[in-house]
């Protein structure tokens, strides 16, 4: 954050403070977190509340994101053409594997989930639309980074500090380079507890008509089922086949030579 942010920049910082780790904020705590005066934060939140961008709990007096954001979800998803094609394939994949399926893209220097189909299973993993993670942690992130433009990939590796998300996160650049090369050779990425303890994941790339990576299709699998080799084999076969079908639907014709 720059030293003297404008009023609009302060408002943006207040809004962006609401995330999965901090879904609720009180005025004092938020002002300390951002380094703004309590009066400034209160004024911004009051304006947001008037436009339903935030709601306030009448008991705790804390704020959370408001219902106005539901207005943007469909518009946001429609900005990615793949979200009009992928859902049917994702539902089928979830039925075949019994696992949660999610669709991810690169946004800036992060992985962001743009669609998700939750498993119909008592023990399941969840993936919230809009959730983010660094591009080096987890199967979906590594898949996107591995198949991204080489110039972008090298630039990212050179300037990014690899901080551990969990004890299993790869934090050495050369080790990550080796992992990304392996992913490109194999055609998919895998991870276990790199981003969330107790959670495994498989991820396959989806390509557009130009052969560029468009998204990563991923399965979130509780560790107990991820360690079941026959189940993991089934999941891998199904996700690779589904990613190929979606790529075909997005105009990627080279895939036909491989099937």
Protein backbone atom coordinates (compact mmCIF):
# COMPACT_ATOMS: atom_id res chain seq x y z
CA UNK A 1 0.00 0.00 0.00
CA UNK A 2 1.45 3.39 -0.94
CA UNK A 3 2.04 6.06 1.71
CA UNK A 4 -0.82 8.43 0.89
CA UNK A 5 -3.66 6.47 -0.75
CA UNK A 6 -6.54 8.46 -2.19
CA UNK A 7 -10.06 8.14 -0.80
CA UNK A 8 -11.01 5.73 -3.57
CA UNK A 9 -7.90 3.62 -2.93
CA UNK A 10 -8.74 3.50 0.78
CA UNK A 11 -12.24 2.30 -0.06
CA UNK A 12 -10.79 -0.42 -2.31
CA UNK A 13 -8.42 -1.55 0.45
CA UNK A 14 -11.33 -1.76 2.88
CA UNK A 15 -13.32 -3.90 0.45
CA UNK A 16 -10.41 -6.20 -0.37
CA UNK A 17 -9.81 -6.84 3.33
CA UNK A 18 -12.85 -9.12 3.32
CA UNK A 19 -11.65 -12.58 2.32
CA UNK A 20 -11.85 -16.21 3.42
CA UNK A 21 -9.54 -15.64 6.36
CA UNK A 22 -11.32 -12.45 7.42
CA UNK A 23 -15.00 -12.66 6.43
CA UNK A 24 -16.01 -10.30 9.26
CA UNK A 25 -14.46 -7.07 10.50
CA UNK A 26 -15.16 -4.64 13.29
CA UNK A 27 -14.29 -0.99 12.66
CA UNK A 28 -11.46 -0.77 15.17
CA UNK A 29 -9.81 -4.03 14.13
CA UNK A 30 -10.08 -3.17 10.44
CA UNK A 31 -8.65 0.31 10.97
CA UNK A 32 -5.66 -1.20 12.80
CA UNK A 33 -5.20 -3.80 10.07
CA UNK A 34 -5.16 -1.19 7.29
CA UNK A 35 -3.52 1.66 9.18
CA UNK A 36 -6.43 4.01 8.51
CA UNK A 37 -8.23 6.06 11.12
CA UNK A 38 -11.34 4.50 12.66
CA UNK A 39 -13.35 7.48 11.43
CA UNK A 40 -12.23 6.87 7.84
CA UNK A 41 -13.05 3.16 7.99
CA UNK A 42 -16.42 3.87 9.61
CA UNK A 43 -17.31 6.40 6.90
CA UNK A 44 -16.35 4.00 4.10
CA UNK A 45 -18.26 1.10 5.63
CA UNK A 46 -21.35 3.26 6.13
CA UNK A 47 -21.33 4.20 2.42
CA UNK A 48 -20.83 0.57 1.43
CA UNK A 49 -23.71 -0.42 3.69
CA UNK A 50 -26.00 2.14 2.00
CA UNK A 51 -25.32 0.38 -1.32
CA UNK A 52 -25.57 -3.15 0.16
CA UNK A 53 -21.90 -3.82 -0.52
CA UNK A 54 -21.56 -4.75 3.15
CA UNK A 55 -24.00 -5.81 5.84
CA UNK A 56 -23.69 -5.24 9.58
CA UNK A 57 -24.51 -7.81 12.22
CA UNK A 58 -26.91 -6.06 14.63
CA UNK A 59 -25.56 -8.01 17.60
CA UNK A 60 -21.78 -8.07 17.08
CA UNK A 61 -21.74 -4.81 15.02
CA UNK A 62 -19.22 -6.45 12.71
CA UNK A 63 -19.39 -6.06 8.95
CA UNK A 64 -19.41 -8.69 6.20
CA UNK A 65 -19.77 -8.57 2.42
CA UNK A 66 -23.30 -7.73 1.34
CA UNK A 67 -25.83 -9.28 -1.01
CA UNK A 68 -24.96 -6.81 -3.78
CA UNK A 69 -22.05 -9.03 -4.78
CA UNK A 70 -24.38 -11.81 -5.88
CA UNK A 71 -25.30 -9.44 -8.70
CA UNK A 72 -21.78 -9.77 -10.08
CA UNK A 73 -21.32 -13.55 -9.89
CA UNK A 74 -23.15 -14.49 -13.08
CA UNK A 75 -21.63 -11.57 -14.98
CA UNK A 76 -18.16 -12.51 -13.77
CA UNK A 77 -18.56 -16.14 -14.76
CA UNK A 78 -19.91 -15.17 -18.17
CA UNK A 79 -16.74 -13.19 -18.81
CA UNK A 80 -14.98 -16.56 -19.01
CA UNK A 81 -16.47 -18.42 -22.03
CA UNK A 82 -15.36 -21.74 -20.54
CA UNK A 83 -17.94 -21.38 -17.76
CA UNK A 84 -20.69 -21.80 -20.36
CA UNK A 85 -19.17 -25.08 -21.59
CA UNK A 86 -17.58 -26.73 -18.58
CA UNK A 87 -20.43 -27.17 -16.01
CA UNK A 88 -22.05 -30.17 -17.68
CA UNK A 89 -18.69 -31.92 -17.95
CA UNK A 90 -17.87 -31.01 -14.35
CA UNK A 91 -21.14 -32.47 -13.03
CA UNK A 92 -20.50 -35.68 -14.95
CA UNK A 93 -16.95 -35.90 -13.57
CA UNK A 94 -18.21 -35.39 -10.03
CA UNK A 95 -20.78 -38.16 -10.46
CA UNK A 96 -18.16 -40.54 -11.88
CA UNK A 97 -15.58 -39.93 -9.16
CA UNK A 98 -17.71 -38.91 -6.18
CA UNK A 99 -15.40 -35.94 -5.64
CA UNK A 100 -15.63 -32.15 -5.70
CA UNK A 101 -14.67 -30.65 -9.07
CA UNK A 102 -13.42 -27.11 -9.52
CA UNK A 103 -12.35 -24.93 -12.41
CA UNK A 104 -9.45 -22.52 -12.04
CA UNK A 105 -7.75 -19.77 -14.00
CA UNK A 106 -4.75 -17.49 -13.56
CA UNK A 107 -5.63 -14.02 -12.36
CA UNK A 108 -2.58 -11.82 -11.99
CA UNK A 109 -0.14 -14.00 -10.08
CA UNK A 110 -2.73 -16.17 -8.35
CA UNK A 111 -4.96 -19.13 -9.02
CA UNK A 112 -8.63 -18.29 -8.66
CA UNK A 113 -11.56 -20.72 -8.65
CA UNK A 114 -14.28 -19.63 -11.10
CA UNK A 115 -16.65 -22.60 -10.79
CA UNK A 116 -17.17 -25.58 -8.51
CA UNK A 117 -19.36 -28.69 -8.28
CA UNK A 118 -19.49 -30.14 -4.79
CA UNK A 119 -19.37 -33.89 -4.27
CA UNK A 120 -22.48 -35.73 -3.14
CA UNK A 121 -20.56 -37.54 -0.42
CA UNK A 122 -20.63 -37.37 3.41
CA UNK A 123 -16.85 -36.88 3.53
CA UNK A 124 -15.96 -34.33 0.90
CA UNK A 125 -13.72 -31.41 0.15
CA UNK A 126 -15.13 -28.01 -0.75
CA UNK A 127 -13.80 -25.30 -3.05
CA UNK A 128 -15.38 -21.87 -2.86
CA UNK A 129 -15.83 -19.88 -6.06
CA UNK A 130 -13.52 -16.90 -5.79
CA UNK A 131 -10.98 -18.64 -3.57
CA UNK A 132 -7.36 -17.84 -4.38
CA UNK A 133 -3.96 -19.33 -3.82
CA UNK A 134 -0.39 -18.68 -5.00
CA UNK A 135 0.59 -20.37 -8.26
CA UNK A 136 3.15 -22.64 -6.60
CA UNK A 137 0.93 -24.34 -4.00
CA UNK A 138 -1.48 -27.15 -4.85
CA UNK A 139 -2.24 -29.20 -7.96
CA UNK A 140 -4.47 -26.67 -9.72
CA UNK A 141 -1.98 -23.85 -9.17
CA UNK A 142 1.01 -25.89 -10.34
CA UNK A 143 -0.95 -27.13 -13.35
CA UNK A 144 -1.72 -23.58 -14.47
CA UNK A 145 1.86 -22.45 -13.90
CA UNK A 146 3.37 -25.49 -15.63
CA UNK A 147 1.37 -25.00 -18.83
CA UNK A 148 1.43 -21.20 -18.83
CA UNK A 149 3.46 -19.11 -21.27
CA UNK A 150 7.18 -19.82 -20.62
CA UNK A 151 8.01 -16.12 -20.39
CA UNK A 152 5.34 -15.58 -17.74
CA UNK A 153 6.42 -18.73 -15.91
CA UNK A 154 10.08 -17.76 -15.71
CA UNK A 155 9.25 -14.21 -14.70
CA UNK A 156 7.02 -15.54 -11.94
CA UNK A 157 9.67 -17.96 -10.67
CA UNK A 158 12.36 -15.29 -10.66
CA UNK A 159 10.45 -12.70 -8.66
CA UNK A 160 8.20 -14.75 -6.38
CA UNK A 161 9.17 -15.65 -2.84
CA UNK A 162 7.97 -19.22 -2.19
CA UNK A 163 6.55 -19.06 1.31
CA UNK A 164 5.17 -22.27 2.86
CA UNK A 165 1.38 -22.54 2.94
CA UNK A 166 1.70 -25.91 4.72
CA UNK A 167 4.64 -28.12 5.64
CA UNK A 168 4.29 -29.85 2.24
CA UNK A 169 4.47 -26.73 0.07
CA UNK A 170 7.42 -26.61 -2.33
CA UNK A 171 9.52 -23.60 -1.34
CA UNK A 172 12.70 -24.13 -3.38
CA UNK A 173 12.65 -22.60 -6.87
CA UNK A 174 14.76 -25.31 -8.53
CA UNK A 175 12.68 -28.05 -6.96
CA UNK A 176 9.56 -26.30 -8.25
CA UNK A 177 11.08 -26.05 -11.75
CA UNK A 178 11.66 -29.81 -11.72
CA UNK A 179 8.09 -30.37 -10.55
CA UNK A 180 6.66 -28.14 -13.29
CA UNK A 181 8.67 -29.98 -15.95
CA UNK A 182 7.34 -33.29 -14.62
CA UNK A 183 3.78 -31.95 -14.82
CA UNK A 184 4.27 -30.96 -18.46
CA UNK A 185 5.65 -34.42 -19.29
CA UNK A 186 2.85 -36.27 -17.49
CA UNK A 187 0.06 -33.96 -18.61
CA UNK A 188 -1.37 -33.44 -15.12
CA UNK A 189 -0.50 -32.21 -11.63
CA UNK A 190 -1.01 -33.79 -8.25
CA UNK A 191 -0.58 -32.69 -4.66
CA UNK A 192 -1.21 -33.84 -1.13
CA UNK A 193 -1.60 -31.31 1.70
CA UNK A 194 0.37 -28.63 -0.15
CA UNK A 195 -2.32 -26.05 0.47
CA UNK A 196 -4.75 -27.70 2.90
CA UNK A 197 -3.80 -30.43 5.39
CA UNK A 198 -5.76 -33.64 4.82
CA UNK A 199 -6.62 -32.78 1.22
CA UNK A 200 -5.26 -34.25 -2.00
CA UNK A 201 -5.82 -32.95 -5.50
CA UNK A 202 -5.45 -33.87 -9.16
CA UNK A 203 -5.50 -31.26 -11.92
CA UNK A 204 -5.44 -31.36 -15.73
CA UNK A 205 -5.04 -28.47 -18.18
CA UNK A 206 -7.73 -27.24 -20.55
CA UNK A 207 -6.49 -25.66 -23.77
CA UNK A 208 -8.07 -23.17 -26.16
CA UNK A 209 -8.10 -23.27 -29.96
CA UNK A 210 -4.60 -21.76 -30.08
CA UNK A 211 -3.15 -24.41 -27.80
CA UNK A 212 -2.73 -22.03 -24.86
CA UNK A 213 -3.77 -23.13 -21.39
CA UNK A 214 -7.21 -21.76 -20.67
CA UNK A 215 -7.95 -23.24 -17.25
CA UNK A 216 -7.17 -26.09 -14.91
CA UNK A 217 -9.81 -28.72 -14.14
CA UNK A 218 -9.27 -30.13 -10.67
CA UNK A 219 -10.53 -32.74 -8.22
CA UNK A 220 -10.38 -32.05 -4.48
CA UNK A 221 -10.09 -35.40 -2.69
CA UNK A 222 -10.00 -36.08 1.07
CA UNK A 223 -6.65 -37.66 1.98
CA UNK A 224 -8.17 -40.98 3.03
CA UNK A 225 -9.55 -41.53 -0.49
CA UNK A 226 -6.57 -39.91 -2.20
CA UNK A 227 -4.32 -42.58 -0.67
CA UNK A 228 -6.57 -45.31 -2.10
CA UNK A 229 -4.55 -46.13 -5.23
CA UNK A 230 -7.47 -47.66 -7.17
CA UNK A 231 -9.66 -44.64 -6.47
CA UNK A 232 -6.89 -42.22 -7.39
CA UNK A 233 -6.32 -44.13 -10.64
CA UNK A 234 -10.02 -43.84 -11.49
CA UNK A 235 -9.98 -40.12 -10.66
CA UNK A 236 -6.91 -39.52 -12.82
CA UNK A 237 -8.35 -41.37 -15.81
CA UNK A 238 -11.65 -39.49 -15.57
CA UNK A 239 -10.18 -36.03 -15.09
CA UNK A 240 -7.78 -36.44 -18.02
CA UNK A 241 -10.60 -37.64 -20.28
CA UNK A 242 -12.86 -34.80 -19.15
CA UNK A 243 -10.18 -32.15 -19.65
CA UNK A 244 -9.63 -33.45 -23.19
CA UNK A 245 -13.36 -33.25 -23.93
CA UNK A 246 -13.62 -29.68 -22.64
CA UNK A 247 -10.51 -28.69 -24.62
CA UNK A 248 -12.13 -30.13 -27.74
CA UNK A 249 -15.26 -28.10 -27.01
CA UNK A 250 -13.11 -24.98 -26.74
CA UNK A 251 -11.60 -25.63 -30.18
CA UNK A 252 -8.38 -27.43 -29.28
CA UNK A 253 -8.11 -29.91 -32.17
CA UNK A 254 -4.69 -31.39 -31.48
CA UNK A 255 -6.30 -33.46 -28.71
CA UNK A 256 -8.07 -35.53 -31.35
CA UNK A 257 -4.72 -37.00 -32.40
CA UNK A 258 -4.25 -38.41 -28.90
CA UNK A 259 -7.67 -40.05 -28.42
